[in-house]
């Protein structure tokens, strides 16, 4: 079977009328979809396997969109993606809370250490050191670790690690480009 399962964003449901109505105009999922649709997967080396038996395969575009959106949402495993797709049927579920008392804000277990570090960084000498370090890769790795929640490799083997790092780097860059897309200064060609 050479056909592939693709997302049909115009498919209508009973409530809401369509999937497009469920996701806001400035939602990151729309930006990632636009980005992935602008890619030429053949030029990137993606192959399209053909099989005459079994279930239809998922398209490269749909899988790439799901993985990138997962990494942007701090989901780094296929089981986590599957769980998120099953459990979070609403794109703005994070605004709600199952807690009857409402949403709760959790403070980090290292709050005291972070406060001490902030005080330390107010010193003039520390600010000079920090300025000299901001031009190297360290801030990017720190942002990936803290903001994207990526703290360890979930695959084995150098080739798999390279692939996972490529996904992380792409998701990191997409988060940066997303701001420009919202402002209208970035237009993706389809």
N, C-alpha and C. Protein backbone atom coordinates (compact mmCIF):
# COMPACT_ATOMS: atom_id res chain seq x y z
N UNK A 1 0.84 -1.17 0.00
CA UNK A 1 0.00 0.00 0.00
C UNK A 1 0.89 1.23 0.00
N UNK A 2 0.77 2.01 -0.99
CA UNK A 2 1.61 3.20 -1.08
C UNK A 2 0.93 4.42 -0.49
N UNK A 3 -0.34 4.29 -0.17
CA UNK A 3 -1.03 5.42 0.45
C UNK A 3 -0.59 5.54 1.90
N UNK A 4 -0.79 6.72 2.47
CA UNK A 4 -0.41 6.95 3.86
C UNK A 4 -1.54 7.67 4.58
N UNK A 5 -1.60 7.45 5.88
CA UNK A 5 -2.58 8.14 6.70
C UNK A 5 -2.12 9.58 6.89
N UNK A 6 -2.96 10.52 6.52
CA UNK A 6 -2.64 11.94 6.65
C UNK A 6 -3.73 12.60 7.51
N UNK A 7 -3.39 13.69 8.08
CA UNK A 7 -4.36 14.43 8.89
C UNK A 7 -5.32 15.18 7.97
N UNK A 8 -6.61 15.05 8.26
CA UNK A 8 -7.63 15.79 7.51
C UNK A 8 -8.17 16.86 8.45
N UNK A 9 -7.64 18.07 8.30
CA UNK A 9 -8.00 19.15 9.21
C UNK A 9 -9.37 19.73 8.91
N UNK A 10 -9.97 19.36 7.81
CA UNK A 10 -11.29 19.89 7.47
C UNK A 10 -12.41 18.92 7.86
N UNK A 11 -12.06 17.75 8.41
CA UNK A 11 -13.07 16.77 8.79
C UNK A 11 -13.96 17.36 9.86
N UNK A 12 -15.27 17.19 9.71
CA UNK A 12 -16.20 17.77 10.67
C UNK A 12 -16.66 16.73 11.67
N UNK A 13 -16.96 17.19 12.89
CA UNK A 13 -17.45 16.36 13.97
C UNK A 13 -18.77 16.95 14.44
N UNK A 14 -19.41 16.28 15.37
CA UNK A 14 -20.65 16.81 15.90
C UNK A 14 -20.39 18.09 16.70
N UNK A 15 -19.50 18.03 17.68
CA UNK A 15 -19.14 19.20 18.49
C UNK A 15 -17.65 19.14 18.74
N UNK A 16 -16.85 20.07 18.49
CA UNK A 16 -17.07 21.27 17.71
C UNK A 16 -17.21 20.92 16.24
N UNK A 17 -17.62 21.87 15.40
CA UNK A 17 -17.89 21.57 14.00
C UNK A 17 -16.68 21.02 13.25
N UNK A 18 -15.47 21.46 13.57
CA UNK A 18 -14.30 20.92 12.88
C UNK A 18 -13.08 21.03 13.79
N UNK A 19 -12.04 20.30 13.45
CA UNK A 19 -10.81 20.34 14.20
C UNK A 19 -10.17 21.72 14.16
N UNK A 20 -10.33 22.42 13.05
CA UNK A 20 -9.79 23.77 12.92
C UNK A 20 -10.39 24.73 13.95
N UNK A 21 -11.66 24.52 14.33
CA UNK A 21 -12.30 25.38 15.32
C UNK A 21 -11.77 25.11 16.72
N UNK A 22 -11.20 23.95 16.93
CA UNK A 22 -10.74 23.55 18.24
C UNK A 22 -9.37 24.13 18.59
N UNK A 23 -8.57 24.42 17.58
CA UNK A 23 -7.22 24.92 17.79
C UNK A 23 -7.18 26.39 17.41
N UNK A 24 -6.70 27.22 18.31
CA UNK A 24 -6.67 28.66 18.08
C UNK A 24 -5.78 29.06 16.92
N UNK A 25 -6.01 30.24 16.39
CA UNK A 25 -5.26 30.71 15.21
C UNK A 25 -3.78 30.90 15.51
N UNK A 26 -3.44 31.20 16.75
CA UNK A 26 -2.03 31.42 17.09
C UNK A 26 -1.44 30.26 17.89
N UNK A 27 -2.08 29.11 17.85
CA UNK A 27 -1.60 27.92 18.57
C UNK A 27 -0.32 27.41 17.92
N UNK A 28 0.66 26.95 18.72
CA UNK A 28 1.92 26.46 18.15
C UNK A 28 1.73 25.27 17.21
N UNK A 29 0.67 24.50 17.38
CA UNK A 29 0.44 23.36 16.48
C UNK A 29 0.24 23.83 15.04
N UNK A 30 -0.38 24.97 14.86
CA UNK A 30 -0.57 25.50 13.49
C UNK A 30 0.78 25.90 12.89
N UNK A 31 1.63 26.53 13.68
CA UNK A 31 2.95 26.92 13.19
C UNK A 31 3.77 25.69 12.81
N UNK A 32 3.76 24.67 13.66
CA UNK A 32 4.52 23.46 13.36
C UNK A 32 3.97 22.79 12.11
N UNK A 33 2.66 22.77 11.95
CA UNK A 33 2.07 22.19 10.74
C UNK A 33 2.51 22.96 9.50
N UNK A 34 2.48 24.28 9.56
CA UNK A 34 2.94 25.08 8.43
C UNK A 34 4.41 24.81 8.11
N UNK A 35 5.22 24.71 9.16
CA UNK A 35 6.64 24.44 8.97
C UNK A 35 6.86 23.08 8.30
N UNK A 36 6.21 22.06 8.81
CA UNK A 36 6.40 20.71 8.27
C UNK A 36 5.88 20.62 6.83
N UNK A 37 4.76 21.30 6.54
CA UNK A 37 4.22 21.28 5.18
C UNK A 37 5.13 22.02 4.19
N UNK A 38 5.99 22.91 4.70
CA UNK A 38 6.92 23.62 3.81
C UNK A 38 8.17 22.80 3.49
N UNK A 39 8.36 21.66 4.16
CA UNK A 39 9.54 20.83 3.94
C UNK A 39 9.36 19.91 2.74
N UNK A 40 10.46 19.61 2.07
CA UNK A 40 10.46 18.60 1.01
C UNK A 40 11.14 17.36 1.58
N UNK A 41 10.34 16.37 1.95
CA UNK A 41 10.85 15.21 2.65
C UNK A 41 11.77 14.34 1.80
N UNK A 42 11.57 14.33 0.49
CA UNK A 42 12.48 13.57 -0.37
C UNK A 42 13.88 14.16 -0.34
N UNK A 43 13.97 15.50 -0.39
CA UNK A 43 15.28 16.16 -0.33
C UNK A 43 15.95 15.95 1.02
N UNK A 44 15.17 15.77 2.06
CA UNK A 44 15.72 15.55 3.40
C UNK A 44 16.14 14.10 3.63
N UNK A 45 15.86 13.23 2.67
CA UNK A 45 16.29 11.83 2.78
C UNK A 45 15.26 10.90 3.38
N UNK A 46 14.03 11.36 3.56
CA UNK A 46 12.98 10.48 4.07
C UNK A 46 12.55 9.54 2.95
N UNK A 47 12.40 8.28 3.28
CA UNK A 47 11.94 7.34 2.27
C UNK A 47 10.45 7.07 2.47
N UNK A 48 9.80 6.63 1.42
CA UNK A 48 8.39 6.29 1.47
C UNK A 48 8.26 4.80 1.18
N UNK A 49 8.21 3.99 2.24
CA UNK A 49 8.13 2.55 2.03
C UNK A 49 6.79 2.16 1.42
N UNK A 50 6.82 1.19 0.56
CA UNK A 50 5.57 0.70 -0.02
C UNK A 50 5.35 -0.71 0.47
N UNK A 51 4.13 -0.99 0.86
CA UNK A 51 3.77 -2.30 1.38
C UNK A 51 2.36 -2.62 0.92
N UNK A 52 2.16 -3.84 0.49
CA UNK A 52 0.84 -4.23 -0.02
C UNK A 52 -0.03 -4.88 1.04
N UNK A 53 0.53 -5.14 2.20
CA UNK A 53 -0.24 -5.81 3.24
C UNK A 53 -0.27 -4.96 4.50
N UNK A 54 -1.20 -5.28 5.37
CA UNK A 54 -1.27 -4.60 6.65
C UNK A 54 -2.00 -3.27 6.60
N UNK A 55 -1.93 -2.60 7.70
CA UNK A 55 -2.61 -1.32 7.87
C UNK A 55 -1.86 -0.23 7.11
N UNK A 56 -2.57 0.82 6.72
CA UNK A 56 -1.93 1.96 6.08
C UNK A 56 -0.92 2.57 7.04
N UNK A 57 0.20 3.04 6.53
CA UNK A 57 1.22 3.68 7.36
C UNK A 57 0.86 5.15 7.55
N UNK A 58 1.44 5.75 8.58
CA UNK A 58 1.26 7.17 8.81
C UNK A 58 2.23 7.93 7.90
N UNK A 59 1.81 9.07 7.42
CA UNK A 59 2.65 9.86 6.52
C UNK A 59 3.83 10.44 7.29
N UNK A 60 4.93 10.68 6.59
CA UNK A 60 6.11 11.29 7.21
C UNK A 60 5.77 12.66 7.79
N UNK A 61 4.91 13.41 7.10
CA UNK A 61 4.54 14.74 7.56
C UNK A 61 3.79 14.68 8.89
N UNK A 62 2.85 13.74 9.00
CA UNK A 62 2.06 13.62 10.21
C UNK A 62 2.95 13.19 11.38
N UNK A 63 3.83 12.23 11.16
CA UNK A 63 4.72 11.78 12.23
C UNK A 63 5.70 12.88 12.65
N UNK A 64 6.27 13.58 11.69
CA UNK A 64 7.20 14.66 12.02
C UNK A 64 6.50 15.76 12.80
N UNK A 65 5.27 16.10 12.42
CA UNK A 65 4.51 17.11 13.15
C UNK A 65 4.25 16.68 14.58
N UNK A 66 3.87 15.42 14.75
CA UNK A 66 3.58 14.91 16.10
C UNK A 66 4.83 14.93 16.97
N UNK A 67 5.96 14.49 16.42
CA UNK A 67 7.21 14.46 17.21
C UNK A 67 7.66 15.87 17.57
N UNK A 68 7.63 16.79 16.61
CA UNK A 68 8.07 18.15 16.90
C UNK A 68 7.17 18.81 17.93
N UNK A 69 5.86 18.64 17.78
CA UNK A 69 4.94 19.22 18.76
C UNK A 69 5.17 18.60 20.13
N UNK A 70 5.45 17.30 20.16
CA UNK A 70 5.74 16.64 21.43
C UNK A 70 6.96 17.23 22.10
N UNK A 71 8.04 17.44 21.34
CA UNK A 71 9.24 18.02 21.92
C UNK A 71 9.00 19.44 22.40
N UNK A 72 8.21 20.20 21.67
CA UNK A 72 7.89 21.56 22.11
C UNK A 72 7.08 21.52 23.41
N UNK A 73 6.27 20.48 23.59
CA UNK A 73 5.44 20.34 24.79
C UNK A 73 6.12 19.53 25.90
N UNK A 74 7.44 19.28 25.77
CA UNK A 74 8.24 18.54 26.76
C UNK A 74 7.86 17.07 26.83
N UNK A 75 7.46 16.49 25.74
CA UNK A 75 7.16 15.06 25.67
C UNK A 75 8.22 14.43 24.78
N UNK A 76 9.00 13.50 25.35
CA UNK A 76 10.16 12.99 24.64
C UNK A 76 10.07 11.51 24.30
N UNK A 77 8.97 10.86 24.52
CA UNK A 77 8.88 9.43 24.22
C UNK A 77 7.62 9.13 23.44
N UNK A 78 7.65 8.03 22.72
CA UNK A 78 6.47 7.65 21.93
C UNK A 78 5.30 7.30 22.84
N UNK A 79 5.58 6.68 23.98
CA UNK A 79 4.49 6.38 24.92
C UNK A 79 3.90 7.66 25.51
N UNK A 80 4.75 8.63 25.77
CA UNK A 80 4.26 9.92 26.27
C UNK A 80 3.39 10.62 25.24
N UNK A 81 3.81 10.56 23.96
CA UNK A 81 3.00 11.14 22.88
C UNK A 81 1.65 10.44 22.78
N UNK A 82 1.68 9.13 22.86
CA UNK A 82 0.43 8.36 22.76
C UNK A 82 -0.50 8.71 23.92
N UNK A 83 0.08 8.81 25.12
CA UNK A 83 -0.71 9.15 26.30
C UNK A 83 -1.30 10.55 26.17
N UNK A 84 -0.51 11.49 25.67
CA UNK A 84 -0.97 12.87 25.52
C UNK A 84 -2.09 12.96 24.49
N UNK A 85 -1.95 12.21 23.40
CA UNK A 85 -3.01 12.23 22.37
C UNK A 85 -4.30 11.62 22.90
N UNK A 86 -4.18 10.61 23.76
CA UNK A 86 -5.36 9.95 24.29
C UNK A 86 -6.00 10.77 25.40
N UNK A 87 -5.17 11.30 26.30
CA UNK A 87 -5.69 11.98 27.49
C UNK A 87 -6.08 13.43 27.24
N UNK A 88 -5.35 14.11 26.39
CA UNK A 88 -5.57 15.54 26.19
C UNK A 88 -6.32 15.79 24.89
N UNK A 89 -7.60 15.43 24.89
CA UNK A 89 -8.37 15.62 23.66
C UNK A 89 -8.72 17.09 23.44
N UNK A 90 -8.46 17.93 24.40
CA UNK A 90 -8.73 19.37 24.25
C UNK A 90 -7.40 20.10 24.17
N UNK A 91 -7.25 20.98 23.19
CA UNK A 91 -5.98 21.66 22.98
C UNK A 91 -5.67 22.68 24.06
N UNK A 92 -6.64 23.09 24.85
CA UNK A 92 -6.39 24.04 25.93
C UNK A 92 -6.68 23.40 27.29
N UNK A 93 -6.46 22.12 27.40
CA UNK A 93 -6.74 21.39 28.64
C UNK A 93 -5.91 21.92 29.82
N UNK A 94 -4.72 22.44 29.53
CA UNK A 94 -3.84 22.94 30.59
C UNK A 94 -4.48 24.08 31.37
N UNK A 95 -5.49 24.75 30.80
CA UNK A 95 -6.14 25.84 31.51
C UNK A 95 -7.09 25.32 32.59
N UNK A 96 -7.48 24.08 32.48
CA UNK A 96 -8.42 23.49 33.42
C UNK A 96 -7.66 22.70 34.49
N UNK A 97 -8.37 22.32 35.50
CA UNK A 97 -7.76 21.53 36.55
C UNK A 97 -8.78 20.57 37.12
N UNK A 98 -8.40 19.30 37.30
CA UNK A 98 -9.34 18.37 37.92
C UNK A 98 -9.47 18.61 39.44
N UNK A 99 -8.60 19.42 40.02
CA UNK A 99 -8.62 19.70 41.43
C UNK A 99 -9.82 20.59 41.76
N UNK A 100 -10.62 20.19 42.75
CA UNK A 100 -11.80 20.96 43.10
C UNK A 100 -11.46 22.33 43.68
N UNK A 101 -10.25 22.47 44.23
CA UNK A 101 -9.81 23.74 44.79
C UNK A 101 -9.24 24.66 43.72
N UNK A 102 -9.17 24.20 42.50
CA UNK A 102 -8.61 25.01 41.42
C UNK A 102 -7.17 24.62 41.13
N UNK A 103 -6.54 25.38 40.28
CA UNK A 103 -5.16 25.08 39.91
C UNK A 103 -4.22 25.37 41.07
N UNK A 104 -3.17 24.58 41.16
CA UNK A 104 -2.16 24.81 42.17
C UNK A 104 -0.83 25.08 41.47
N UNK A 105 -0.04 25.93 42.07
CA UNK A 105 1.27 26.25 41.52
C UNK A 105 2.30 25.50 42.35
N UNK A 106 3.09 24.66 41.68
CA UNK A 106 4.12 23.91 42.37
C UNK A 106 5.43 24.66 42.26
N UNK A 107 6.09 24.85 43.37
CA UNK A 107 7.39 25.50 43.37
C UNK A 107 8.44 24.40 43.36
N UNK A 108 9.56 24.69 42.75
CA UNK A 108 10.60 23.70 42.60
C UNK A 108 11.22 23.27 43.92
N UNK A 109 11.75 22.05 43.93
CA UNK A 109 12.37 21.54 45.14
C UNK A 109 13.68 22.25 45.45
N UNK A 110 14.25 22.93 44.45
CA UNK A 110 15.52 23.62 44.61
C UNK A 110 15.33 25.14 44.73
N UNK A 111 14.21 25.55 45.26
CA UNK A 111 13.87 26.98 45.32
C UNK A 111 14.90 27.78 46.12
N UNK A 112 15.39 27.24 47.22
CA UNK A 112 16.36 27.96 48.05
C UNK A 112 17.68 28.15 47.29
N UNK A 113 18.12 27.12 46.59
CA UNK A 113 19.37 27.21 45.83
C UNK A 113 19.24 28.22 44.69
N UNK A 114 18.08 28.23 44.05
CA UNK A 114 17.85 29.20 42.97
C UNK A 114 17.87 30.62 43.52
N UNK A 115 17.27 30.84 44.68
CA UNK A 115 17.27 32.18 45.29
C UNK A 115 18.69 32.61 45.64
N UNK A 116 19.50 31.70 46.20
CA UNK A 116 20.89 32.04 46.52
C UNK A 116 21.66 32.40 45.25
N UNK A 117 21.43 31.64 44.17
CA UNK A 117 22.12 31.90 42.92
C UNK A 117 21.72 33.25 42.33
N UNK A 118 20.46 33.60 42.44
CA UNK A 118 20.01 34.91 41.95
C UNK A 118 20.67 36.05 42.71
N UNK A 119 20.80 35.89 44.02
CA UNK A 119 21.48 36.91 44.83
C UNK A 119 22.95 37.01 44.44
N UNK A 120 23.56 35.86 44.21
CA UNK A 120 24.98 35.82 43.83
C UNK A 120 25.19 36.50 42.47
N UNK A 121 24.24 36.33 41.57
CA UNK A 121 24.38 36.91 40.24
C UNK A 121 24.18 38.42 40.20
N UNK A 122 23.72 38.99 41.28
CA UNK A 122 23.57 40.44 41.33
C UNK A 122 24.91 41.15 41.53
N UNK A 123 25.94 40.41 41.95
CA UNK A 123 27.27 40.99 42.14
C UNK A 123 27.86 41.39 40.79
N UNK A 124 28.59 42.50 40.75
CA UNK A 124 29.16 43.04 39.51
C UNK A 124 30.10 42.02 38.86
N UNK A 125 30.96 41.39 39.65
CA UNK A 125 31.92 40.42 39.10
C UNK A 125 31.19 39.24 38.45
N UNK A 126 30.14 38.76 39.07
CA UNK A 126 29.37 37.65 38.50
C UNK A 126 28.70 38.06 37.19
N UNK A 127 28.23 39.29 37.11
CA UNK A 127 27.59 39.75 35.88
C UNK A 127 28.57 39.81 34.73
N UNK A 128 29.83 40.18 35.02
CA UNK A 128 30.86 40.17 33.99
C UNK A 128 31.12 38.76 33.48
N UNK A 129 31.18 37.80 34.39
CA UNK A 129 31.41 36.40 34.00
C UNK A 129 30.24 35.90 33.16
N UNK A 130 29.05 36.21 33.57
CA UNK A 130 27.85 35.76 32.84
C UNK A 130 27.82 36.36 31.44
N UNK A 131 28.16 37.66 31.32
CA UNK A 131 28.20 38.28 30.00
C UNK A 131 29.20 37.60 29.08
N UNK A 132 30.34 37.18 29.61
CA UNK A 132 31.35 36.54 28.77
C UNK A 132 30.93 35.14 28.34
N UNK A 133 30.02 34.50 29.09
CA UNK A 133 29.60 33.14 28.76
C UNK A 133 28.37 33.08 27.86
N UNK A 134 27.67 34.20 27.66
CA UNK A 134 26.41 34.14 26.93
C UNK A 134 26.57 33.93 25.44
N UNK A 135 27.78 33.98 24.92
CA UNK A 135 28.01 33.81 23.49
C UNK A 135 28.33 32.37 23.11
N UNK A 136 28.42 31.49 24.09
CA UNK A 136 28.73 30.09 23.78
C UNK A 136 27.45 29.27 23.82
N UNK A 137 27.57 27.98 23.61
CA UNK A 137 26.40 27.11 23.49
C UNK A 137 25.73 26.83 24.82
N UNK A 138 26.36 27.15 25.92
CA UNK A 138 25.83 26.83 27.24
C UNK A 138 24.40 27.33 27.48
N UNK A 139 24.05 28.57 27.11
CA UNK A 139 22.67 29.00 27.33
C UNK A 139 21.65 28.16 26.57
N UNK A 140 22.00 27.74 25.37
CA UNK A 140 21.06 26.92 24.59
C UNK A 140 20.83 25.59 25.27
N UNK A 141 21.91 24.96 25.73
CA UNK A 141 21.76 23.68 26.43
C UNK A 141 20.96 23.85 27.71
N UNK A 142 21.18 24.95 28.41
CA UNK A 142 20.42 25.22 29.62
C UNK A 142 18.94 25.44 29.34
N UNK A 143 18.63 26.15 28.26
CA UNK A 143 17.23 26.37 27.90
C UNK A 143 16.57 25.07 27.49
N UNK A 144 17.28 24.24 26.75
CA UNK A 144 16.71 22.94 26.36
C UNK A 144 16.45 22.09 27.60
N UNK A 145 17.38 22.13 28.54
CA UNK A 145 17.23 21.33 29.76
C UNK A 145 16.09 21.84 30.63
N UNK A 146 16.05 23.15 30.86
CA UNK A 146 15.07 23.69 31.79
C UNK A 146 13.72 23.95 31.14
N UNK A 147 13.69 24.64 30.01
CA UNK A 147 12.42 25.03 29.40
C UNK A 147 11.74 23.90 28.65
N UNK A 148 12.54 23.04 28.02
CA UNK A 148 11.94 21.94 27.26
C UNK A 148 11.89 20.65 28.07
N UNK A 149 12.50 20.64 29.24
CA UNK A 149 12.43 19.47 30.12
C UNK A 149 13.24 18.28 29.65
N UNK A 150 14.20 18.49 28.76
CA UNK A 150 14.99 17.39 28.25
C UNK A 150 16.24 17.24 29.11
N UNK A 151 16.32 16.14 29.84
CA UNK A 151 17.43 15.95 30.77
C UNK A 151 18.27 14.70 30.49
N UNK A 152 17.78 13.80 29.66
CA UNK A 152 18.59 12.62 29.32
C UNK A 152 18.10 12.02 28.02
N UNK A 153 18.99 11.28 27.37
CA UNK A 153 18.65 10.62 26.12
C UNK A 153 17.71 9.47 26.40
N UNK A 154 16.74 9.29 25.55
CA UNK A 154 15.78 8.20 25.73
C UNK A 154 15.99 7.10 24.71
N UNK A 155 17.08 7.17 23.97
CA UNK A 155 17.40 6.16 22.95
C UNK A 155 18.82 5.67 23.16
N UNK A 156 19.17 4.58 22.50
CA UNK A 156 20.52 4.04 22.57
C UNK A 156 21.15 4.06 21.19
N UNK A 157 22.46 4.18 21.16
CA UNK A 157 23.18 4.17 19.90
C UNK A 157 23.41 5.58 19.39
N UNK A 158 24.60 5.78 18.82
CA UNK A 158 24.98 7.12 18.38
C UNK A 158 24.05 7.67 17.30
N UNK A 159 23.64 6.84 16.35
CA UNK A 159 22.76 7.30 15.28
C UNK A 159 21.41 7.74 15.84
N UNK A 160 20.87 6.98 16.79
CA UNK A 160 19.60 7.34 17.40
C UNK A 160 19.71 8.61 18.24
N UNK A 161 20.85 8.78 18.93
CA UNK A 161 21.07 10.00 19.71
C UNK A 161 21.16 11.20 18.78
N UNK A 162 21.86 11.04 17.66
CA UNK A 162 21.93 12.15 16.69
C UNK A 162 20.55 12.52 16.18
N UNK A 163 19.73 11.52 15.90
CA UNK A 163 18.37 11.78 15.42
C UNK A 163 17.56 12.50 16.49
N UNK A 164 17.67 12.04 17.73
CA UNK A 164 16.92 12.69 18.81
C UNK A 164 17.42 14.12 19.01
N UNK A 165 18.72 14.35 18.93
CA UNK A 165 19.26 15.70 19.08
C UNK A 165 18.77 16.59 17.95
N UNK A 166 18.65 16.03 16.73
CA UNK A 166 18.12 16.81 15.61
C UNK A 166 16.68 17.24 15.88
N UNK A 167 15.86 16.34 16.45
CA UNK A 167 14.49 16.69 16.79
C UNK A 167 14.45 17.78 17.87
N UNK A 168 15.31 17.65 18.87
CA UNK A 168 15.35 18.63 19.95
C UNK A 168 15.77 19.99 19.40
N UNK A 169 16.84 20.00 18.58
CA UNK A 169 17.31 21.25 18.01
C UNK A 169 16.27 21.90 17.12
N UNK A 170 15.58 21.08 16.33
CA UNK A 170 14.53 21.62 15.45
C UNK A 170 13.39 22.21 16.29
N UNK A 171 12.98 21.48 17.34
CA UNK A 171 11.91 21.98 18.20
C UNK A 171 12.33 23.28 18.89
N UNK A 172 13.59 23.36 19.33
CA UNK A 172 14.10 24.58 19.97
C UNK A 172 14.05 25.76 19.00
N UNK A 173 14.51 25.53 17.77
CA UNK A 173 14.49 26.60 16.77
C UNK A 173 13.07 26.99 16.38
N UNK A 174 12.16 26.00 16.33
CA UNK A 174 10.77 26.31 16.00
C UNK A 174 10.13 27.18 17.07
N UNK A 175 10.50 26.97 18.32
CA UNK A 175 9.97 27.83 19.38
C UNK A 175 10.41 29.27 19.17
N UNK A 176 11.64 29.46 18.70
CA UNK A 176 12.13 30.81 18.43
C UNK A 176 11.39 31.42 17.23
N UNK A 177 11.22 30.62 16.16
CA UNK A 177 10.57 31.12 14.96
C UNK A 177 9.07 31.35 15.17
N UNK A 178 8.48 30.61 16.10
CA UNK A 178 7.05 30.73 16.37
C UNK A 178 6.68 32.17 16.75
N UNK A 179 7.54 32.83 17.52
CA UNK A 179 7.26 34.22 17.92
C UNK A 179 7.19 35.13 16.69
N UNK A 180 8.08 34.92 15.73
CA UNK A 180 8.06 35.73 14.51
C UNK A 180 6.83 35.40 13.66
N UNK A 181 6.43 34.13 13.66
CA UNK A 181 5.24 33.71 12.91
C UNK A 181 3.99 34.38 13.48
N UNK A 182 3.92 34.48 14.82
CA UNK A 182 2.78 35.15 15.44
C UNK A 182 2.72 36.63 15.07
N UNK A 183 3.90 37.26 15.00
CA UNK A 183 3.96 38.68 14.66
C UNK A 183 3.69 38.94 13.18
N UNK A 184 3.75 37.88 12.35
CA UNK A 184 3.52 38.02 10.91
C UNK A 184 4.78 38.37 10.14
N UNK A 185 5.95 38.35 10.81
CA UNK A 185 7.20 38.65 10.11
C UNK A 185 7.80 37.43 9.48
N UNK A 186 7.24 36.24 9.72
CA UNK A 186 7.72 35.00 9.11
C UNK A 186 6.57 34.35 8.38
N UNK A 187 6.76 34.10 7.09
CA UNK A 187 5.76 33.42 6.29
C UNK A 187 6.40 32.19 5.70
N UNK A 188 5.79 31.03 5.93
CA UNK A 188 6.33 29.77 5.42
C UNK A 188 5.73 29.46 4.05
N UNK A 189 6.56 29.07 3.13
CA UNK A 189 6.09 28.70 1.79
C UNK A 189 5.62 27.27 1.79
N UNK A 190 4.48 27.04 1.20
CA UNK A 190 3.96 25.66 1.13
C UNK A 190 4.13 25.13 -0.26
